[in-house]
Protein backbone atom coordinates (compact mmCIF):
# COMPACT_ATOMS: atom_id res chain seq x y z
CA MET A 1 0.00 0.00 0.00
CA SER A 2 2.95 2.32 0.56
CA SER A 3 3.51 2.66 -3.22
CA THR A 4 -0.12 3.54 -3.86
CA PRO A 5 -0.69 7.30 -4.35
CA ARG A 6 -2.71 9.29 -1.82
CA LEU A 7 -6.07 10.76 -2.77
CA SER A 8 -5.54 14.46 -3.61
CA ASN A 9 -6.25 17.06 -6.26
CA ALA A 10 -3.23 15.79 -8.17
CA SER A 11 -4.37 12.14 -8.14
CA LEU A 12 -8.01 12.69 -9.13
CA SER A 13 -7.31 12.09 -12.79
CA SER A 14 -5.74 8.71 -12.05
CA LEU A 15 -8.75 7.27 -10.22
CA ASP A 16 -10.51 4.21 -11.53
CA ALA A 17 -13.25 5.13 -13.98
CA GLN A 18 -15.96 3.75 -11.67
CA ILE A 19 -15.23 6.47 -9.09
CA GLN A 20 -17.32 9.66 -9.41
CA VAL A 21 -15.15 12.78 -8.95
CA PRO A 22 -15.92 16.52 -8.65
CA ASN A 23 -16.79 18.08 -12.01
CA TYR A 24 -15.58 21.53 -10.97
CA THR A 25 -12.22 23.22 -10.46
CA ARG A 26 -11.76 23.48 -6.73
CA ASP A 27 -9.40 26.47 -6.95
CA GLY A 28 -12.41 28.70 -7.46
CA LEU A 29 -14.22 27.75 -4.27
CA GLN A 30 -15.18 30.49 -1.80
CA THR A 31 -15.76 29.89 1.90
CA GLY A 32 -19.51 30.20 2.41
CA ILE A 33 -20.03 27.69 5.23
CA VAL A 34 -18.08 26.98 8.41
CA HIS A 35 -19.00 23.63 9.91
CA LEU A 36 -18.34 22.87 13.59
CA GLY A 37 -17.87 19.17 14.26
CA ILE A 38 -16.37 17.89 11.03
CA GLY A 39 -17.12 14.22 11.69
CA ALA A 40 -18.32 11.30 9.63
CA PHE A 41 -21.99 12.23 9.61
CA HIS A 42 -21.45 15.71 8.21
CA ARG A 43 -19.17 14.34 5.51
CA ALA A 44 -21.77 11.72 4.54
CA HIS A 45 -24.69 14.12 4.60
CA GLN A 46 -24.55 17.93 4.44
CA ALA A 47 -21.18 18.02 2.65
CA VAL A 48 -22.61 15.75 -0.08
CA TYR A 49 -25.66 17.96 -0.66
CA THR A 50 -23.33 20.98 -0.75
CA ASP A 51 -20.99 19.24 -3.19
CA ASP A 52 -23.99 18.79 -5.50
CA ALA A 53 -24.85 22.49 -5.22
CA ILE A 54 -21.26 23.49 -5.99
CA ALA A 55 -21.17 21.11 -8.95
CA ALA A 56 -24.24 22.93 -10.32
CA ASP A 57 -21.95 25.96 -10.76
CA ASP A 58 -22.43 27.76 -7.45
CA MET A 59 -18.91 28.16 -6.12
CA ARG A 60 -19.92 30.33 -3.13
CA TRP A 61 -20.46 27.44 -0.75
CA GLY A 62 -17.11 25.87 0.01
CA ILE A 63 -16.92 24.44 3.53
CA VAL A 64 -14.24 25.04 6.16
CA GLY A 65 -14.54 22.22 8.67
CA VAL A 66 -13.61 22.74 12.32
CA SER A 67 -12.75 19.99 14.78
CA LEU A 68 -13.47 21.17 18.30
CA ARG A 69 -11.39 18.52 20.03
CA SER A 70 -9.23 16.07 18.10
CA PRO A 71 -6.95 16.74 15.09
CA GLY A 72 -7.69 13.30 13.63
CA THR A 73 -9.92 14.42 10.76
CA ARG A 74 -7.61 17.30 9.81
CA ASP A 75 -4.56 15.04 9.93
CA ALA A 76 -6.25 12.50 7.66
CA LEU A 77 -7.79 14.88 5.13
CA GLN A 78 -5.41 17.84 4.88
CA PRO A 79 -2.79 15.82 2.93
CA GLN A 80 -5.70 14.87 0.65
CA ASP A 81 -6.60 18.54 -0.03
CA GLY A 82 -9.81 17.94 1.92
CA LEU A 83 -10.95 15.24 -0.50
CA TYR A 84 -12.47 11.99 0.72
CA THR A 85 -14.57 9.16 -0.67
CA VAL A 86 -18.15 8.29 0.18
CA ALA A 87 -18.94 4.60 -0.36
CA THR A 88 -22.66 3.92 -0.61
CA ARG A 89 -23.31 0.32 0.44
CA ASP A 90 -26.17 -2.12 0.26
CA GLY A 91 -26.80 -5.70 -0.79
CA GLY A 92 -26.26 -4.73 -4.44
CA GLY A 93 -22.64 -3.68 -3.86
CA ASP A 94 -20.66 -0.49 -3.33
CA ARG A 95 -20.72 2.81 -5.24
CA PHE A 96 -17.91 5.35 -4.78
CA ARG A 97 -17.85 9.14 -5.02
CA VAL A 98 -15.15 11.67 -4.14
CA ILE A 99 -16.47 14.77 -2.35
CA GLY A 100 -14.76 18.11 -2.94
CA SER A 101 -16.85 20.60 -0.96
CA ILE A 102 -14.50 20.75 2.06
CA MET A 103 -11.88 23.34 1.16
CA GLY A 104 -10.17 23.70 4.54
CA LEU A 105 -9.82 22.03 7.92
CA LEU A 106 -9.03 23.63 11.28
CA VAL A 107 -8.51 22.29 14.80
CA ALA A 108 -9.98 24.74 17.29
CA PRO A 109 -7.73 24.02 20.31
CA GLU A 110 -4.62 24.57 18.18
CA ASP A 111 -5.61 28.02 16.94
CA PRO A 112 -8.94 29.35 18.24
CA GLU A 113 -8.17 32.83 16.89
CA ARG A 114 -7.93 31.54 13.31
CA VAL A 115 -11.24 29.72 13.69
CA LEU A 116 -12.92 32.88 14.97
CA GLU A 117 -11.53 35.00 12.16
CA VAL A 118 -12.72 32.55 9.51
CA MET A 119 -16.19 32.58 11.09
CA ALA A 120 -16.11 36.38 11.00
CA GLU A 121 -15.34 36.60 7.25
CA PRO A 122 -18.08 38.44 5.32
CA ASP A 123 -18.46 35.63 2.75
CA VAL A 124 -19.45 33.14 5.46
CA LYS A 125 -23.25 33.00 5.40
CA ILE A 126 -23.89 29.79 7.37
CA VAL A 127 -22.31 28.17 10.42
CA SER A 128 -23.59 24.62 10.71
CA LEU A 129 -23.09 22.14 13.53
CA THR A 130 -22.92 18.38 14.07
CA ILE A 131 -21.42 18.32 17.56
CA THR A 132 -23.69 15.60 19.06
CA GLU A 133 -26.02 16.23 21.95
CA LYS A 134 -23.23 16.71 24.48
CA GLY A 135 -21.58 19.46 22.43
CA TYR A 136 -24.39 21.90 23.19
CA CYS A 137 -23.42 22.12 26.88
CA TYR A 138 -27.06 21.90 27.85
CA SER A 139 -29.29 19.93 30.17
CA PRO A 140 -31.18 17.43 27.96
CA ALA A 141 -34.11 17.22 30.37
CA ALA A 142 -34.59 20.99 30.39
CA ALA A 143 -33.20 21.83 26.92
CA ALA A 144 -31.47 24.77 28.60
CA LEU A 145 -27.86 25.90 28.87
CA ASP A 146 -25.93 24.10 31.59
CA GLU A 147 -24.44 27.17 33.22
CA ALA A 148 -22.30 25.01 35.50
CA HIS A 149 -20.67 23.19 32.57
CA PRO A 150 -16.86 23.65 32.81
CA ASP A 151 -16.60 24.73 29.15
CA ILE A 152 -19.28 27.39 29.63
CA ILE A 153 -17.62 28.71 32.78
CA HIS A 154 -14.31 28.88 30.89
CA ASP A 155 -15.77 30.62 27.84
CA LEU A 156 -17.61 33.26 29.86
CA ALA A 157 -14.33 34.09 31.55
CA ASN A 158 -12.28 33.89 28.33
CA PRO A 159 -14.54 35.03 25.46
CA GLY A 160 -11.66 35.56 23.05
CA ALA A 161 -10.29 32.03 23.50
CA PRO A 162 -13.36 29.75 23.63
CA ILE A 163 -13.36 25.98 23.80
CA SER A 164 -17.06 25.20 23.35
CA ALA A 165 -19.06 25.45 20.13
CA ILE A 166 -21.36 27.92 21.88
CA GLY A 167 -18.44 30.10 22.89
CA PHE A 168 -17.06 30.14 19.34
CA VAL A 169 -20.44 31.02 17.85
CA VAL A 170 -21.10 33.92 20.22
CA GLU A 171 -17.61 35.41 19.93
CA ALA A 172 -17.73 35.21 16.12
CA LEU A 173 -21.14 36.91 16.08
CA ALA A 174 -19.85 39.59 18.43
CA ARG A 175 -16.93 40.31 16.09
CA ARG A 176 -19.20 40.51 13.04
CA ARG A 177 -21.47 42.92 14.91
CA GLU A 178 -18.55 45.13 15.92
CA ARG A 179 -17.33 45.21 12.29
CA GLY A 180 -20.74 45.94 10.75
CA ILE A 181 -20.92 42.51 9.05
CA PRO A 182 -24.37 40.88 8.95
CA PRO A 183 -24.69 37.73 11.08
CA PHE A 184 -24.47 34.23 9.67
CA THR A 185 -27.34 31.76 9.92
CA LEU A 186 -26.84 29.06 12.57
CA LEU A 187 -27.85 25.62 11.30
CA SER A 188 -28.01 22.73 13.78
CA CYS A 189 -27.92 19.31 12.10
CA ASP A 190 -27.93 17.26 15.31
CA ASN A 191 -30.58 14.91 16.63
CA LEU A 192 -32.13 17.30 19.12
CA PRO A 193 -35.82 18.10 19.51
CA ALA A 194 -36.47 21.49 17.89
CA ASN A 195 -32.74 21.67 17.25
CA GLY A 196 -32.87 25.22 15.91
CA GLU A 197 -34.83 26.46 18.90
CA THR A 198 -32.60 24.51 21.30
CA LEU A 199 -29.50 26.03 19.73
CA LYS A 200 -31.07 29.49 19.94
CA ASN A 201 -31.87 28.95 23.62
CA VAL A 202 -28.32 28.02 24.60
CA VAL A 203 -26.64 30.61 22.36
CA THR A 204 -28.81 33.54 23.45
CA ARG A 205 -28.58 32.56 27.11
CA PHE A 206 -24.79 32.34 26.91
CA ALA A 207 -24.62 35.66 25.05
CA SER A 208 -26.88 37.32 27.63
CA LEU A 209 -24.72 36.06 30.48
CA ARG A 210 -21.73 37.57 28.71
CA ASP A 211 -23.40 40.84 27.67
CA ALA A 212 -27.12 41.68 27.80
CA GLU A 213 -27.01 43.86 24.67
CA LEU A 214 -25.22 41.13 22.71
CA GLY A 215 -27.88 38.67 23.83
CA ARG A 216 -30.64 40.94 22.54
CA TYR A 217 -28.82 41.43 19.22
CA ILE A 218 -28.50 37.68 18.62
CA THR A 219 -32.10 37.09 19.67
CA ASP A 220 -33.35 39.70 17.22
CA GLU A 221 -30.99 39.30 14.27
CA VAL A 222 -29.74 35.71 13.99
CA ALA A 223 -31.69 32.95 12.23
CA PHE A 224 -31.79 29.45 13.77
CA PRO A 225 -33.69 27.20 11.32
CA SER A 226 -34.49 23.71 12.58
CA THR A 227 -33.60 20.63 10.57
CA MET A 228 -34.20 16.90 10.46
CA VAL A 229 -31.27 14.84 9.21
CA ASP A 230 -31.17 11.14 8.49
CA ARG A 231 -28.50 8.82 7.17
CA ILE A 232 -26.87 5.83 8.85
CA VAL A 233 -23.09 6.26 8.99
CA PRO A 234 -21.06 3.53 10.71
CA ALA A 235 -17.55 4.16 11.96
CA THR A 236 -14.89 3.62 9.29
CA THR A 237 -12.65 0.58 9.77
CA ASP A 238 -9.24 -0.41 8.41
CA ALA A 239 -11.02 -3.01 6.27
CA ASP A 240 -13.07 -0.18 4.74
CA ARG A 241 -9.88 1.71 3.91
CA GLU A 242 -8.36 -1.35 2.26
CA LEU A 243 -11.54 -1.93 0.24
CA LEU A 244 -11.46 1.66 -1.00
CA THR A 245 -7.78 1.45 -1.95
CA LYS A 246 -8.42 -1.62 -4.08
CA ALA A 247 -11.47 -0.06 -5.74
CA ALA A 248 -10.07 3.41 -6.38
CA GLY A 249 -6.37 2.81 -6.80
CA VAL A 250 -5.49 5.50 -4.25
CA VAL A 251 -5.12 5.65 -0.47
CA ASP A 252 -7.92 7.49 1.36
CA GLU A 253 -7.16 7.71 5.08
CA TRP A 254 -10.73 8.50 6.06
CA PRO A 255 -13.39 7.34 3.61
CA ILE A 256 -17.03 7.29 4.67
CA MET A 257 -19.23 4.20 4.49
CA THR A 258 -22.96 4.84 4.38
CA GLU A 259 -26.32 3.69 3.06
CA PRO A 260 -28.13 4.82 -0.11
CA PHE A 261 -30.89 6.54 1.91
CA SER A 262 -30.42 10.20 2.83
CA GLN A 263 -32.97 12.72 4.08
CA TRP A 264 -32.73 16.38 5.01
CA VAL A 265 -35.76 18.47 6.01
CA ILE A 266 -35.01 22.14 6.66
CA GLU A 267 -36.95 25.19 7.77
CA ASP A 268 -36.42 27.76 5.04
CA HIS A 269 -35.10 30.74 7.01
CA PHE A 270 -31.72 31.89 5.67
CA PRO A 271 -31.61 35.72 5.57
CA SER A 272 -28.08 35.79 4.13
CA GLY A 273 -28.65 33.12 1.48
CA ARG A 274 -28.06 29.40 1.16
CA PRO A 275 -27.14 26.72 -1.40
CA ALA A 276 -29.93 25.31 -3.59
CA TRP A 277 -29.97 22.09 -1.58
CA GLU A 278 -33.59 21.42 -2.60
CA LYS A 279 -32.42 20.64 -6.15
CA PHE A 280 -30.48 17.67 -4.77
CA GLY A 281 -32.98 16.01 -2.46
CA ALA A 282 -33.37 18.31 0.56
CA THR A 283 -36.92 19.28 1.53
CA PHE A 284 -37.66 22.84 2.64
CA VAL A 285 -40.70 23.33 4.87
CA ASP A 286 -42.27 25.99 7.06
CA ASP A 287 -42.17 23.75 10.15
CA VAL A 288 -39.87 20.76 10.54
CA ALA A 289 -41.24 19.69 13.94
CA ALA A 290 -43.48 16.83 12.78
CA PHE A 291 -40.77 15.30 10.59
CA GLU A 292 -38.20 15.70 13.33
CA LEU A 293 -40.41 14.05 15.95
CA MET A 294 -41.17 11.17 13.61
CA LYS A 295 -37.50 10.54 12.95
CA LEU A 296 -36.31 10.98 16.54
CA ARG A 297 -38.90 8.59 17.90
CA LEU A 298 -39.16 6.00 15.14
CA LEU A 299 -35.61 5.82 13.84
CA ASN A 300 -33.43 7.04 16.70
CA GLY A 301 -35.58 5.57 19.46
CA SER A 302 -35.70 2.19 17.73
CA HIS A 303 -31.98 2.36 16.91
CA SER A 304 -31.02 2.99 20.55
CA THR A 305 -33.32 0.24 21.78
CA LEU A 306 -31.85 -2.24 19.30
CA ALA A 307 -28.34 -1.15 20.26
CA TYR A 308 -28.67 -1.68 24.02
CA LEU A 309 -30.68 -4.89 23.85
CA GLY A 310 -28.58 -6.20 20.96
CA TYR A 311 -25.28 -5.47 22.65
CA LEU A 312 -26.42 -7.22 25.82
CA ALA A 313 -27.53 -10.19 23.72
CA GLY A 314 -24.04 -10.43 22.22
CA HIS A 315 -24.64 -8.97 18.76
CA GLU A 316 -22.00 -6.75 17.17
CA THR A 317 -24.07 -4.97 14.51
CA VAL A 318 -27.65 -3.78 14.04
CA SER A 319 -28.14 -6.13 11.09
CA ASP A 320 -27.07 -9.01 13.35
CA VAL A 321 -29.65 -7.90 15.91
CA MET A 322 -32.42 -7.75 13.31
CA ARG A 323 -31.67 -11.36 12.29
CA ALA A 324 -31.80 -12.66 15.86
CA GLU A 325 -34.95 -14.32 17.18
CA GLY A 326 -37.69 -11.93 18.22
CA PHE A 327 -35.91 -8.60 17.63
CA ALA A 328 -37.53 -7.63 14.31
CA GLY A 329 -40.99 -8.34 15.70
CA PHE A 330 -40.17 -6.52 18.94
CA ILE A 331 -39.14 -3.35 17.14
CA GLU A 332 -42.05 -3.50 14.67
CA THR A 333 -44.56 -3.75 17.51
CA MET A 334 -42.83 -0.95 19.43
CA MET A 335 -43.03 1.28 16.35
CA ASP A 336 -46.68 0.48 15.60
CA GLU A 337 -48.24 0.25 19.04
CA GLU A 338 -46.15 2.50 21.29
CA ILE A 339 -44.47 5.17 19.11
CA THR A 340 -46.84 5.84 16.20
CA PRO A 341 -49.79 6.92 18.42
CA THR A 342 -47.57 9.69 19.88
CA LEU A 343 -46.83 11.30 16.49
CA PRO A 344 -48.69 14.28 14.99
CA PRO A 345 -50.38 13.76 11.62
CA LEU A 346 -48.35 14.24 8.45
CA PRO A 347 -50.96 14.61 5.69
CA GLY A 348 -49.94 12.82 2.51
CA PHE A 349 -47.00 11.07 4.15
CA ASP A 350 -47.01 7.24 4.02
CA LEU A 351 -46.01 6.44 7.60
CA ALA A 352 -46.42 2.67 7.18
CA ALA A 353 -44.03 2.70 4.22
CA TYR A 354 -41.56 4.85 6.19
CA LYS A 355 -41.53 2.37 9.07
CA ALA A 356 -41.05 -0.57 6.71
CA GLN A 357 -38.18 1.29 5.06
CA LEU A 358 -36.57 1.91 8.47
CA ARG A 359 -36.64 -1.78 9.32
CA GLU A 360 -35.16 -2.62 5.93
CA ARG A 361 -32.37 -0.11 6.53
CA PHE A 362 -31.66 -1.72 9.91
CA ARG A 363 -31.30 -5.06 8.08
CA ASN A 364 -28.69 -3.75 5.59
CA PRO A 365 -25.81 -6.23 6.08
CA ALA A 366 -23.31 -4.13 4.14
CA LEU A 367 -23.25 -1.28 6.70
CA ARG A 368 -22.05 -3.17 9.78
CA HIS A 369 -23.24 -0.42 12.14
CA ARG A 370 -21.93 -1.50 15.54
CA THR A 371 -24.29 -1.60 18.49
CA TRP A 372 -21.49 -0.29 20.72
CA GLN A 373 -21.13 2.82 18.53
CA ILE A 374 -24.86 3.60 18.67
CA ALA A 375 -24.85 3.03 22.45
CA MET A 376 -22.45 5.92 23.07
CA ASP A 377 -23.62 9.01 24.97
CA GLY A 378 -26.95 7.46 25.97
CA SER A 379 -27.48 9.87 28.85
CA GLN A 380 -27.61 12.68 26.30
CA LYS A 381 -29.79 10.82 23.79
CA LEU A 382 -32.45 9.09 25.88
CA PRO A 383 -34.58 12.16 26.70
CA GLN A 384 -35.42 12.92 23.08
CA ARG A 385 -35.23 9.39 21.70
CA LEU A 386 -37.24 7.45 24.31
CA LEU A 387 -38.20 9.39 27.42
CA ASN A 388 -40.32 12.01 25.71
CA THR A 389 -42.19 9.25 23.89
CA ILE A 390 -42.84 7.59 27.24
CA ARG A 391 -44.12 10.90 28.62
CA SER A 392 -46.64 11.01 25.75
CA ARG A 393 -47.75 7.44 26.50
CA ILE A 394 -48.16 8.22 30.20
CA GLU A 395 -50.20 11.31 29.38
CA ALA A 396 -52.44 9.18 27.15
CA GLU A 397 -52.74 6.56 29.94
CA ALA A 398 -51.36 3.99 27.48
CA PRO A 399 -48.86 1.16 28.13
CA PHE A 400 -45.23 1.29 26.98
CA PRO A 401 -43.59 -2.07 27.83
CA ARG A 402 -41.11 -2.07 24.94
CA LEU A 403 -40.08 1.54 25.44
CA ALA A 404 -39.54 0.70 29.11
CA MET A 405 -37.43 -2.26 28.00
CA GLY A 406 -35.24 0.13 26.00
CA ILE A 407 -34.66 2.24 29.13
CA ALA A 408 -34.02 -0.86 31.21
CA ALA A 409 -31.49 -2.13 28.66
CA TRP A 410 -29.64 1.18 28.87
CA MET A 411 -29.62 0.92 32.66
CA ARG A 412 -28.27 -2.62 32.44
CA TYR A 413 -25.63 -1.47 29.92
CA VAL A 414 -24.32 1.48 31.95
CA THR A 415 -23.66 -0.66 35.01
CA GLY A 416 -20.52 -1.48 33.01
CA THR A 417 -20.64 -5.28 33.12
CA ASP A 418 -22.30 -7.44 30.47
CA GLU A 419 -24.30 -10.64 30.86
CA ARG A 420 -21.12 -12.73 30.68
CA GLY A 421 -19.40 -10.76 33.42
CA GLN A 422 -17.15 -8.88 30.99
CA ALA A 423 -16.49 -5.15 31.28
CA ILE A 424 -18.42 -2.83 28.96
CA ASP A 425 -16.53 0.17 27.59
CA VAL A 426 -19.23 2.73 28.39
CA ARG A 427 -18.59 5.97 26.50
CA ASP A 428 -20.74 8.68 28.03
CA PRO A 429 -20.21 12.07 29.72
CA LEU A 430 -21.81 10.60 32.85
CA ALA A 431 -20.04 7.22 32.69
CA GLU A 432 -18.11 7.61 35.93
CA GLU A 433 -21.11 8.95 37.83
CA MET A 434 -23.32 6.10 36.60
CA LYS A 435 -20.69 3.54 37.55
CA ARG A 436 -20.51 5.05 41.03
CA LEU A 437 -24.29 5.18 41.42
CA THR A 438 -24.77 1.53 40.46
CA ALA A 439 -21.76 0.07 42.28
CA GLN A 440 -22.71 -2.81 44.59
CA LYS A 441 -26.33 -2.70 43.38
CA ALA A 442 -27.71 -5.97 42.07
CA SER A 443 -31.51 -5.73 42.15
CA ALA A 444 -33.69 -3.99 39.60
CA PRO A 445 -35.32 -1.63 42.13
CA ASP A 446 -31.93 -0.56 43.51
CA ILE A 447 -30.40 0.07 40.06
CA VAL A 448 -33.47 1.95 38.86
CA ALA A 449 -33.61 4.07 42.00
CA ALA A 450 -29.93 4.95 41.67
CA LEU A 451 -30.09 5.99 38.01
CA LEU A 452 -33.34 7.91 38.39
CA GLY A 453 -31.28 10.23 40.56
CA LEU A 454 -29.84 11.62 37.31
CA ARG A 455 -32.27 14.52 37.07
CA GLN A 456 -30.41 15.94 34.05
CA VAL A 457 -31.55 12.79 32.20
CA PHE A 458 -34.95 11.95 33.70
CA GLY A 459 -36.12 15.36 34.88
CA GLU A 460 -38.22 15.74 38.01
CA ASP A 461 -41.40 14.14 36.66
CA LEU A 462 -40.41 10.62 35.66
CA PRO A 463 -38.57 9.64 38.87
CA ALA A 464 -41.73 10.58 40.79
CA ASN A 465 -44.05 8.69 38.44
CA VAL A 466 -45.04 5.30 39.86
CA ILE A 467 -46.18 3.98 36.47
CA PHE A 468 -42.82 4.77 34.89
CA ARG A 469 -40.74 3.44 37.75
CA THR A 470 -42.77 0.21 37.95
CA ALA A 471 -42.55 -0.44 34.19
CA VAL A 472 -38.77 0.06 34.10
CA GLU A 473 -38.21 -2.03 37.26
CA GLU A 474 -40.26 -4.87 35.77
CA ALA A 475 -38.35 -4.73 32.47
CA LEU A 476 -34.95 -4.55 34.15
CA GLY A 477 -35.88 -7.43 36.43
CA ARG A 478 -36.60 -9.57 33.37
CA LEU A 479 -33.29 -8.62 31.78
CA LEU A 480 -31.36 -9.42 34.94
CA GLU A 481 -33.12 -12.75 35.38
CA SER A 482 -33.30 -14.05 31.80
CA GLY A 483 -30.89 -11.97 29.72
CA ALA A 484 -31.70 -9.80 26.73
CA ALA A 485 -31.95 -12.52 24.07
CA ARG A 486 -34.44 -14.66 25.98
CA THR A 487 -36.40 -11.65 27.19
CA VAL A 488 -36.87 -10.28 23.67
CA ALA A 489 -37.72 -13.69 22.24
CA ALA A 490 -40.40 -14.08 24.91
CA THR A 491 -41.88 -10.59 24.51
């Protein structure tokens, strides 16, 4: 492999003919978008839509990607001139495309001043974010800024050298205001309920804590459209890199493996302009809330439930879980009987077909989406993926045994020991606290009582709700007694 050339502008012409490459000259790209959180999902989703818009002869929308923590993405892609390959995978094989929309990569901790100055450039019209739930420095249960978060405390004290996404956004907006440059639009592409409104809440609160007048300016002048994003993007493996090298004839240090399906629903509120994403599959609407709720509850809620139960049952990937006894039926019933009744109407939308498509996507054996990867950061994800659905069921005085089983599986998972007595590598901002809370606790009531103490996850209402507590205790008791595989098969 050492003699194989690296993917770059210079090597594009030598790629195998089956590889789709940019049809535009990248030297003419302007920076129109700064993206915070330049991870795999962004590069499989928004960067692809933007690449299409650029290829349609709109060179204003080049992306500068910013890593807020690790230099890994920059180190992999900078020698490749920002180029990378997207491999679309299903049972019919793999299709390869090189994406050229990322024109620069920065690592915020290395040079925060450079990041801020790029964000303050007049040509930048959009700052988008895929920073995961924990990157918003907010309390998931309250959807409000966590003012005690160490990064927020730091950034309020050091506004010119921020470390959080929120700190960068507010300082960049402050600089644009001081220089008479119109604000950029802030575009959250994370799986948060009302993600635009949530982002507005944390940004304006932070800005107000820093300076009341700045807070009012951002509240009045900055647009925060909400979005719904959907595409399954597993972590890239060394085997994926080897496969790409053989197919393309070049080395790509960080290709993206994904599914054919991609969806992007966006509220159309971009005062400073935007790419024509709608020409390439995005859907612009007046209100994204119904689509967002549908996706969060049906796809993300089901995905998390499959991940925790599947991991405990010993399955490595979601497609493995879907092939195991009882799981496909379990998730279909959960979708139909417990989640669907909580959704608002979507006139003209075929919800039954959407749910069938979701289950088919979960079965895609080519993706190899690991249950352990999906299980990360559960304390940040559960409120919007499962707990709010349960709240709707409680309000309707309706049962929710499978949703409760999803919560119980998470509780079993975060104790840190699997059903075979092996340690679980729990990746979560609250991992140490959850390990401490559940130490020496063996019974379902004791584990449930301990974890319900996490008010930032469960709020004040659910721990006090006897129906909720009883349902989760019963589900966890079954998991502890019989194990996940037997419990699901018997459900």
